[in-house]
Amino acid sequence: MTRVPCHVAGASHVGRRSHQEDAFLALVTARGAVVAVADGMGGHQAGEVASRLAVEALKRVIRRRKDSDGADVLAGAAGAA
């Protein structure tokens, strides 16, 4: 595998809403980088909770299954979320 240098940044904007409902993850591991965005489903109750839990679940699964391939990790994270 060829390694490619990459810089990742994240920013969010509340927009017309009273609070931020989106969450994002930028995680670099020994196997590569993962960037994820969870949309908080603006206007739905507890959208910020759902997006935060989804990102936290993905992060947990990635750290626990660091020797698995990407497809296995994503399948495990989807099940955990």
PDB file of N, CA and C in Angstrom:
ATOM      1  N   MET A   1       0.839  -1.175   0.000  1.00  0.00           N
ATOM      2  CA  MET A   1       0.000   0.000   0.000  1.00  0.00           C
ATOM      3  C   MET A   1       0.887   1.243   0.000  1.00  0.00           C
ATOM      4  N   THR A   2       0.535   2.198  -0.820  1.00  0.00           N
ATOM      5  CA  THR A   2       1.247   3.464  -0.877  1.00  0.00           C
ATOM      6  C   THR A   2       0.662   4.430   0.131  1.00  0.00           C
ATOM      7  N   ARG A   3       1.492   4.995   0.947  1.00  0.00           N
ATOM      8  CA  ARG A   3       1.038   5.989   1.932  1.00  0.00           C
ATOM      9  C   ARG A   3       1.025   7.364   1.285  1.00  0.00           C
ATOM     10  N   VAL A   4      -0.043   8.081   1.494  1.00  0.00           N
ATOM     11  CA  VAL A   4      -0.198   9.430   0.955  1.00  0.00           C
ATOM     12  C   VAL A   4      -0.397  10.380   2.129  1.00  0.00           C
ATOM     13  N   PRO A   5       0.425  11.422   2.237  1.00  0.00           N
ATOM     14  CA  PRO A   5       0.237  12.375   3.332  1.00  0.00           C
ATOM     15  C   PRO A   5      -1.115  13.073   3.202  1.00  0.00           C
ATOM     16  N   CYS A   6      -1.749  13.280   4.334  1.00  0.00           N
ATOM     17  CA  CYS A   6      -3.079  13.883   4.321  1.00  0.00           C
ATOM     18  C   CYS A   6      -3.257  14.749   5.567  1.00  0.00           C
ATOM     19  N   HIS A   7      -3.839  15.894   5.392  1.00  0.00           N
ATOM     20  CA  HIS A   7      -4.177  16.773   6.511  1.00  0.00           C
ATOM     21  C   HIS A   7      -5.693  16.872   6.573  1.00  0.00           C
ATOM     22  N   VAL A   8      -6.230  16.727   7.761  1.00  0.00           N
ATOM     23  CA  VAL A   8      -7.683  16.742   7.929  1.00  0.00           C
ATOM     24  C   VAL A   8      -8.043  17.805   8.960  1.00  0.00           C
ATOM     25  N   ALA A   9      -9.091  18.534   8.683  1.00  0.00           N
ATOM     26  CA  ALA A   9      -9.603  19.528   9.631  1.00  0.00           C
ATOM     27  C   ALA A   9     -11.115  19.404   9.660  1.00  0.00           C
ATOM     28  N   GLY A  10     -11.700  19.838  10.720  1.00  0.00           N
ATOM     29  CA  GLY A  10     -13.154  19.794  10.826  1.00  0.00           C
ATOM     30  C   GLY A  10     -13.687  21.114  11.341  1.00  0.00           C
ATOM     31  N   ALA A  11     -14.834  21.477  10.852  1.00  0.00           N
ATOM     32  CA  ALA A  11     -15.520  22.680  11.322  1.00  0.00           C
ATOM     33  C   ALA A  11     -17.013  22.454  11.156  1.00  0.00           C
ATOM     34  N   SER A  12     -17.775  23.109  11.971  1.00  0.00           N
ATOM     35  CA  SER A  12     -19.218  22.993  11.841  1.00  0.00           C
ATOM     36  C   SER A  12     -19.857  24.358  12.060  1.00  0.00           C
ATOM     37  N   HIS A  13     -21.058  24.493  11.576  1.00  0.00           N
ATOM     38  CA  HIS A  13     -21.792  25.744  11.694  1.00  0.00           C
ATOM     39  C   HIS A  13     -23.235  25.414  12.048  1.00  0.00           C
ATOM     40  N   VAL A  14     -23.767  26.071  13.018  1.00  0.00           N
ATOM     41  CA  VAL A  14     -25.115  25.816  13.491  1.00  0.00           C
ATOM     42  C   VAL A  14     -26.161  26.152  12.426  1.00  0.00           C
ATOM     43  N   GLY A  15     -25.875  27.151  11.635  1.00  0.00           N
ATOM     44  CA  GLY A  15     -26.851  27.564  10.624  1.00  0.00           C
ATOM     45  C   GLY A  15     -28.034  28.242  11.271  1.00  0.00           C
ATOM     46  N   ARG A  16     -29.235  27.906  10.851  1.00  0.00           N
ATOM     47  CA  ARG A  16     -30.448  28.550  11.375  1.00  0.00           C
ATOM     48  C   ARG A  16     -30.975  27.894  12.648  1.00  0.00           C
ATOM     49  N   ARG A  17     -30.341  26.866  13.093  1.00  0.00           N
ATOM     50  CA  ARG A  17     -30.811  26.139  14.276  1.00  0.00           C
ATOM     51  C   ARG A  17     -30.262  26.778  15.559  1.00  0.00           C
ATOM     52  N   SER A  18     -30.861  26.401  16.678  1.00  0.00           N
ATOM     53  CA  SER A  18     -30.431  26.971  17.963  1.00  0.00           C
ATOM     54  C   SER A  18     -29.220  26.240  18.550  1.00  0.00           C
ATOM     55  N   HIS A  19     -28.920  25.033  18.045  1.00  0.00           N
ATOM     56  CA  HIS A  19     -27.778  24.277  18.566  1.00  0.00           C
ATOM     57  C   HIS A  19     -27.251  23.321  17.479  1.00  0.00           C
ATOM     58  N   GLN A  20     -26.026  22.881  17.672  1.00  0.00           N
ATOM     59  CA  GLN A  20     -25.371  21.996  16.705  1.00  0.00           C
ATOM     60  C   GLN A  20     -25.862  20.567  16.881  1.00  0.00           C
ATOM     61  N   GLU A  21     -26.279  19.925  15.796  1.00  0.00           N
ATOM     62  CA  GLU A  21     -26.752  18.546  15.872  1.00  0.00           C
ATOM     63  C   GLU A  21     -25.825  17.568  15.154  1.00  0.00           C
ATOM     64  N   ASP A  22     -24.872  18.063  14.404  1.00  0.00           N
ATOM     65  CA  ASP A  22     -23.973  17.198  13.653  1.00  0.00           C
ATOM     66  C   ASP A  22     -22.741  16.854  14.488  1.00  0.00           C
ATOM     67  N   ALA A  23     -22.116  15.741  14.161  1.00  0.00           N
ATOM     68  CA  ALA A  23     -20.876  15.330  14.821  1.00  0.00           C
ATOM     69  C   ALA A  23     -19.923  14.799  13.758  1.00  0.00           C
ATOM     70  N   PHE A  24     -18.633  14.936  13.991  1.00  0.00           N
ATOM     71  CA  PHE A  24     -17.665  14.409  13.034  1.00  0.00           C
ATOM     72  C   PHE A  24     -16.513  13.756  13.763  1.00  0.00           C
ATOM     73  N   LEU A  25     -15.804  12.922  13.029  1.00  0.00           N
ATOM     74  CA  LEU A  25     -14.669  12.186  13.563  1.00  0.00           C
ATOM     75  C   LEU A  25     -13.543  12.229  12.554  1.00  0.00           C
ATOM     76  N   ALA A  26     -12.353  12.531  13.002  1.00  0.00           N
ATOM     77  CA  ALA A  26     -11.137  12.430  12.195  1.00  0.00           C
ATOM     78  C   ALA A  26     -10.145  11.658  13.059  1.00  0.00           C
ATOM     79  N   LEU A  27      -9.853  10.426  12.666  1.00  0.00           N
ATOM     80  CA  LEU A  27      -9.042   9.539  13.485  1.00  0.00           C
ATOM     81  C   LEU A  27      -7.955   8.910  12.626  1.00  0.00           C
ATOM     82  N   VAL A  28      -6.719   9.020  13.071  1.00  0.00           N
ATOM     83  CA  VAL A  28      -5.592   8.407  12.371  1.00  0.00           C
ATOM     84  C   VAL A  28      -5.127   7.215  13.200  1.00  0.00           C
ATOM     85  N   THR A  29      -5.031   6.063  12.555  1.00  0.00           N
ATOM     86  CA  THR A  29      -4.549   4.849  13.217  1.00  0.00           C
ATOM     87  C   THR A  29      -3.322   4.346  12.458  1.00  0.00           C
ATOM     88  N   ALA A  30      -2.722   3.289  12.957  1.00  0.00           N
ATOM     89  CA  ALA A  30      -1.560   2.704  12.284  1.00  0.00           C
ATOM     90  C   ALA A  30      -1.925   2.172  10.899  1.00  0.00           C
ATOM     91  N   ARG A  31      -3.198   1.815  10.696  1.00  0.00           N
ATOM     92  CA  ARG A  31      -3.648   1.256   9.413  1.00  0.00           C
ATOM     93  C   ARG A  31      -4.137   2.309   8.432  1.00  0.00           C
ATOM     94  N   GLY A  32      -4.324   3.534   8.891  1.00  0.00           N
ATOM     95  CA  GLY A  32      -4.805   4.579   7.992  1.00  0.00           C
ATOM     96  C   GLY A  32      -5.643   5.597   8.739  1.00  0.00           C
ATOM     97  N   ALA A  33      -6.413   6.356   7.982  1.00  0.00           N
ATOM     98  CA  ALA A  33      -7.234   7.409   8.565  1.00  0.00           C
ATOM     99  C   ALA A  33      -8.710   7.141   8.304  1.00  0.00           C
ATOM    100  N   VAL A  34      -9.526   7.596   9.230  1.00  0.00           N
ATOM    101  CA  VAL A  34     -10.976   7.495   9.096  1.00  0.00           C
ATOM    102  C   VAL A  34     -11.548   8.885   9.316  1.00  0.00           C
ATOM    103  N   VAL A  35     -12.393   9.302   8.393  1.00  0.00           N
ATOM    104  CA  VAL A  35     -13.099  10.574   8.522  1.00  0.00           C
ATOM    105  C   VAL A  35     -14.574  10.268   8.367  1.00  0.00           C
ATOM    106  N   ALA A  36     -15.384  10.698   9.325  1.00  0.00           N
ATOM    107  CA  ALA A  36     -16.816  10.411   9.283  1.00  0.00           C
ATOM    108  C   ALA A  36     -17.606  11.640   9.707  1.00  0.00           C
ATOM    109  N   VAL A  37     -18.778  11.788   9.123  1.00  0.00           N
ATOM    110  CA  VAL A  37     -19.708  12.851   9.497  1.00  0.00           C
ATOM    111  C   VAL A  37     -21.052  12.202   9.805  1.00  0.00           C
ATOM    112  N   ALA A  38     -21.624  12.545  10.943  1.00  0.00           N
ATOM    113  CA  ALA A  38     -22.951  12.062  11.315  1.00  0.00           C
ATOM    114  C   ALA A  38     -23.893  13.262  11.328  1.00  0.00           C
ATOM    115  N   ASP A  39     -24.880  13.227  10.464  1.00  0.00           N
ATOM    116  CA  ASP A  39     -25.860  14.303  10.353  1.00  0.00           C
ATOM    117  C   ASP A  39     -26.872  14.156  11.479  1.00  0.00           C
ATOM    118  N   GLY A  40     -27.100  15.231  12.208  1.00  0.00           N
ATOM    119  CA  GLY A  40     -27.985  15.196  13.364  1.00  0.00           C
ATOM    120  C   GLY A  40     -29.463  15.203  13.038  1.00  0.00           C
ATOM    121  N   MET A  41     -29.851  15.112  11.772  1.00  0.00           N
ATOM    122  CA  MET A  41     -31.264  15.059  11.388  1.00  0.00           C
ATOM    123  C   MET A  41     -32.007  16.281  11.927  1.00  0.00           C
ATOM    124  N   GLY A  42     -31.520  17.459  11.591  1.00  0.00           N
ATOM    125  CA  GLY A  42     -32.080  18.717  12.078  1.00  0.00           C
ATOM    126  C   GLY A  42     -33.591  18.732  12.179  1.00  0.00           C
ATOM    127  N   GLY A  43     -34.064  19.188  13.313  1.00  0.00           N
ATOM    128  CA  GLY A  43     -35.489  19.270  13.539  1.00  0.00           C
ATOM    129  C   GLY A  43     -36.071  18.072  14.252  1.00  0.00           C
ATOM    130  N   HIS A  44     -35.370  16.951  14.258  1.00  0.00           N
ATOM    131  CA  HIS A  44     -35.858  15.771  14.972  1.00  0.00           C
ATOM    132  C   HIS A  44     -35.362  15.819  16.410  1.00  0.00           C
ATOM    133  N   GLN A  45     -36.153  15.296  17.307  1.00  0.00           N
ATOM    134  CA  GLN A  45     -35.798  15.309  18.719  1.00  0.00           C
ATOM    135  C   GLN A  45     -34.513  14.525  18.979  1.00  0.00           C
ATOM    136  N   ALA A  46     -33.598  15.116  19.728  1.00  0.00           N
ATOM    137  CA  ALA A  46     -32.329  14.509  20.158  1.00  0.00           C
ATOM    138  C   ALA A  46     -31.405  14.149  18.989  1.00  0.00           C
ATOM    139  N   GLY A  47     -31.464  14.904  17.902  1.00  0.00           N
ATOM    140  CA  GLY A  47     -30.575  14.660  16.771  1.00  0.00           C
ATOM    141  C   GLY A  47     -29.109  14.758  17.147  1.00  0.00           C
ATOM    142  N   GLU A  48     -28.791  15.681  18.053  1.00  0.00           N
ATOM    143  CA  GLU A  48     -27.400  15.844  18.487  1.00  0.00           C
ATOM    144  C   GLU A  48     -26.925  14.629  19.273  1.00  0.00           C
ATOM    145  N   VAL A  49     -27.814  13.989  20.002  1.00  0.00           N
ATOM    146  CA  VAL A  49     -27.456  12.789  20.762  1.00  0.00           C
ATOM    147  C   VAL A  49     -27.191  11.632  19.795  1.00  0.00           C
ATOM    148  N   ALA A  50     -28.061  11.462  18.823  1.00  0.00           N
ATOM    149  CA  ALA A  50     -27.903  10.374  17.853  1.00  0.00           C
ATOM    150  C   ALA A  50     -26.606  10.505  17.075  1.00  0.00           C
ATOM    151  N   SER A  51     -26.283  11.705  16.620  1.00  0.00           N
ATOM    152  CA  SER A  51     -25.056  11.877  15.833  1.00  0.00           C
ATOM    153  C   SER A  51     -23.814  11.659  16.688  1.00  0.00           C
ATOM    154  N   ARG A  52     -23.843  12.128  17.929  1.00  0.00           N
ATOM    155  CA  ARG A  52     -22.696  11.935  18.826  1.00  0.00           C
ATOM    156  C   ARG A  52     -22.499  10.451  19.138  1.00  0.00           C
ATOM    157  N   LEU A  53     -23.590   9.741  19.415  1.00  0.00           N
ATOM    158  CA  LEU A  53     -23.490   8.310  19.718  1.00  0.00           C
ATOM    159  C   LEU A  53     -22.968   7.512  18.525  1.00  0.00           C
ATOM    160  N   ALA A  54     -23.385   7.888  17.328  1.00  0.00           N
ATOM    161  CA  ALA A  54     -22.910   7.192  16.127  1.00  0.00           C
ATOM    162  C   ALA A  54     -21.406   7.363  15.957  1.00  0.00           C
ATOM    163  N   VAL A  55     -20.913   8.584  16.139  1.00  0.00           N
ATOM    164  CA  VAL A  55     -19.478   8.843  16.005  1.00  0.00           C
ATOM    165  C   VAL A  55     -18.699   8.139  17.110  1.00  0.00           C
ATOM    166  N   GLU A  56     -19.212   8.166  18.331  1.00  0.00           N
ATOM    167  CA  GLU A  56     -18.530   7.483  19.441  1.00  0.00           C
ATOM    168  C   GLU A  56     -18.482   5.971  19.215  1.00  0.00           C
ATOM    169  N   ALA A  57     -19.553   5.388  18.687  1.00  0.00           N
ATOM    170  CA  ALA A  57     -19.570   3.950  18.407  1.00  0.00           C
ATOM    171  C   ALA A  57     -18.539   3.591  17.342  1.00  0.00           C
ATOM    172  N   LEU A  58     -18.467   4.391  16.295  1.00  0.00           N
ATOM    173  CA  LEU A  58     -17.483   4.152  15.239  1.00  0.00           C
ATOM    174  C   LEU A  58     -16.065   4.210  15.805  1.00  0.00           C
ATOM    175  N   LYS A  59     -15.790   5.217  16.596  1.00  0.00           N
ATOM    176  CA  LYS A  59     -14.462   5.374  17.194  1.00  0.00           C
ATOM    177  C   LYS A  59     -14.111   4.178  18.084  1.00  0.00           C
ATOM    178  N   ARG A  60     -15.057   3.735  18.895  1.00  0.00           N
ATOM    179  CA  ARG A  60     -14.837   2.589  19.791  1.00  0.00           C
ATOM    180  C   ARG A  60     -14.513   1.323  19.010  1.00  0.00           C
ATOM    181  N   VAL A  61     -15.283   1.061  17.972  1.00  0.00           N
ATOM    182  CA  VAL A  61     -15.078  -0.159  17.179  1.00  0.00           C
ATOM    183  C   VAL A  61     -13.737  -0.107  16.450  1.00  0.00           C
ATOM    184  N   ILE A  62     -13.379   1.025  15.908  1.00  0.00           N
ATOM    185  CA  ILE A  62     -12.095   1.161  15.208  1.00  0.00           C
ATOM    186  C   ILE A  62     -10.941   0.876  16.162  1.00  0.00           C
ATOM    187  N   ARG A  63     -10.997   1.422  17.340  1.00  0.00           N
ATOM    188  CA  ARG A  63      -9.908   1.219  18.305  1.00  0.00           C
ATOM    189  C   ARG A  63      -9.847  -0.223  18.800  1.00  0.00           C
ATOM    190  N   ARG A  64     -10.998  -0.868  18.954  1.00  0.00           N
ATOM    191  CA  ARG A  64     -11.042  -2.249  19.440  1.00  0.00           C
ATOM    192  C   ARG A  64     -10.602  -3.241  18.385  1.00  0.00           C
ATOM    193  N   ARG A  65     -10.914  -2.970  17.133  1.00  0.00           N
ATOM    194  CA  ARG A  65     -10.662  -3.936  16.056  1.00  0.00           C
ATOM    195  C   ARG A  65      -9.578  -3.423  15.118  1.00  0.00           C
ATOM    196  N   LYS A  66      -8.484  -2.988  15.671  1.00  0.00           N
ATOM    197  CA  LYS A  66      -7.436  -2.356  14.864  1.00  0.00           C
ATOM    198  C   LYS A  66      -6.753  -3.289  13.868  1.00  0.00           C
ATOM    199  N   ASP A  67      -6.914  -4.604  14.013  1.00  0.00           N
ATOM    200  CA  ASP A  67      -6.300  -5.535  13.071  1.00  0.00           C
ATOM    201  C   ASP A  67      -7.246  -5.988  11.964  1.00  0.00           C
ATOM    202  N   SER A  68      -8.503  -5.569  12.022  1.00  0.00           N
ATOM    203  CA  SER A  68      -9.486  -5.967  11.013  1.00  0.00           C
ATOM    204  C   SER A  68      -9.364  -5.092   9.771  1.00  0.00           C
ATOM    205  N   ASP A  69      -9.921  -5.583   8.666  1.00  0.00           N
ATOM    206  CA  ASP A  69      -9.921  -4.740   7.474  1.00  0.00           C
ATOM    207  C   ASP A  69     -11.064  -3.730   7.559  1.00  0.00           C
ATOM    208  N   GLY A  70     -11.056  -2.763   6.680  1.00  0.00           N
ATOM    209  CA  GLY A  70     -12.009  -1.659   6.722  1.00  0.00           C
ATOM    210  C   GLY A  70     -13.462  -2.083   6.667  1.00  0.00           C
ATOM    211  N   ALA A  71     -13.787  -3.058   5.823  1.00  0.00           N
ATOM    212  CA  ALA A  71     -15.179  -3.492   5.685  1.00  0.00           C
ATOM    213  C   ALA A  71     -15.681  -4.120   6.977  1.00  0.00           C
ATOM    214  N   ASP A  72     -14.854  -4.928   7.631  1.00  0.00           N
ATOM    215  CA  ASP A  72     -15.254  -5.539   8.903  1.00  0.00           C
ATOM    216  C   ASP A  72     -15.487  -4.483   9.972  1.00  0.00           C
ATOM    217  N   VAL A  73     -14.601  -3.511  10.016  1.00  0.00           N
ATOM    218  CA  VAL A  73     -14.721  -2.453  11.029  1.00  0.00           C
ATOM    219  C   VAL A  73     -16.006  -1.651  10.802  1.00  0.00           C
ATOM    220  N   LEU A  74     -16.289  -1.275   9.568  1.00  0.00           N
ATOM    221  CA  LEU A  74     -17.498  -0.500   9.297  1.00  0.00           C
ATOM    222  C   LEU A  74     -18.757  -1.303   9.596  1.00  0.00           C
ATOM    223  N   ALA A  75     -18.753  -2.586   9.273  1.00  0.00           N
ATOM    224  CA  ALA A  75     -19.911  -3.424   9.589  1.00  0.00           C
ATOM    225  C   ALA A  75     -20.109  -3.511  11.104  1.00  0.00           C
ATOM    226  N   GLY A  76     -19.042  -3.665  11.836  1.00  0.00           N
ATOM    227  CA  GLY A  76     -19.130  -3.711  13.308  1.00  0.00           C
ATOM    228  C   GLY A  76     -19.591  -2.393  13.887  1.00  0.00           C
ATOM    229  N   ALA A  77     -19.117  -1.301  13.322  1.00  0.00           N
ATOM    230  CA  ALA A  77     -19.507   0.026  13.810  1.00  0.00           C
ATOM    231  C   ALA A  77     -20.981   0.291  13.509  1.00  0.00           C
ATOM    232  N   ALA A  78     -21.446  -0.107  12.350  1.00  0.00           N
ATOM    233  CA  ALA A  78     -22.861   0.095  12.005  1.00  0.00           C
ATOM    234  C   ALA A  78     -23.737  -0.691  12.970  1.00  0.00           C
ATOM    235  N   GLY A  79     -23.329  -1.893  13.326  1.00  0.00           N
ATOM    236  CA  GLY A  79     -24.081  -2.690  14.280  1.00  0.00           C
ATOM    237  C   GLY A  79     -24.064  -2.083  15.673  1.00  0.00           C
ATOM    238  N   ALA A  80     -22.941  -1.492  16.051  1.00  0.00           N
ATOM    239  CA  ALA A  80     -22.819  -0.889  17.376  1.00  0.00           C
ATOM    240  C   ALA A  80     -23.608   0.400  17.496  1.00  0.00           C
ATOM    241  N   ALA A  81     -23.736   1.116  16.386  1.00  0.00           N
ATOM    242  CA  ALA A  81     -24.460   2.397  16.404  1.00  0.00           C
ATOM    243  C   ALA A  81     -25.936   2.121  16.443  1.00  0.00           C
TER     244      ALA A  81
END
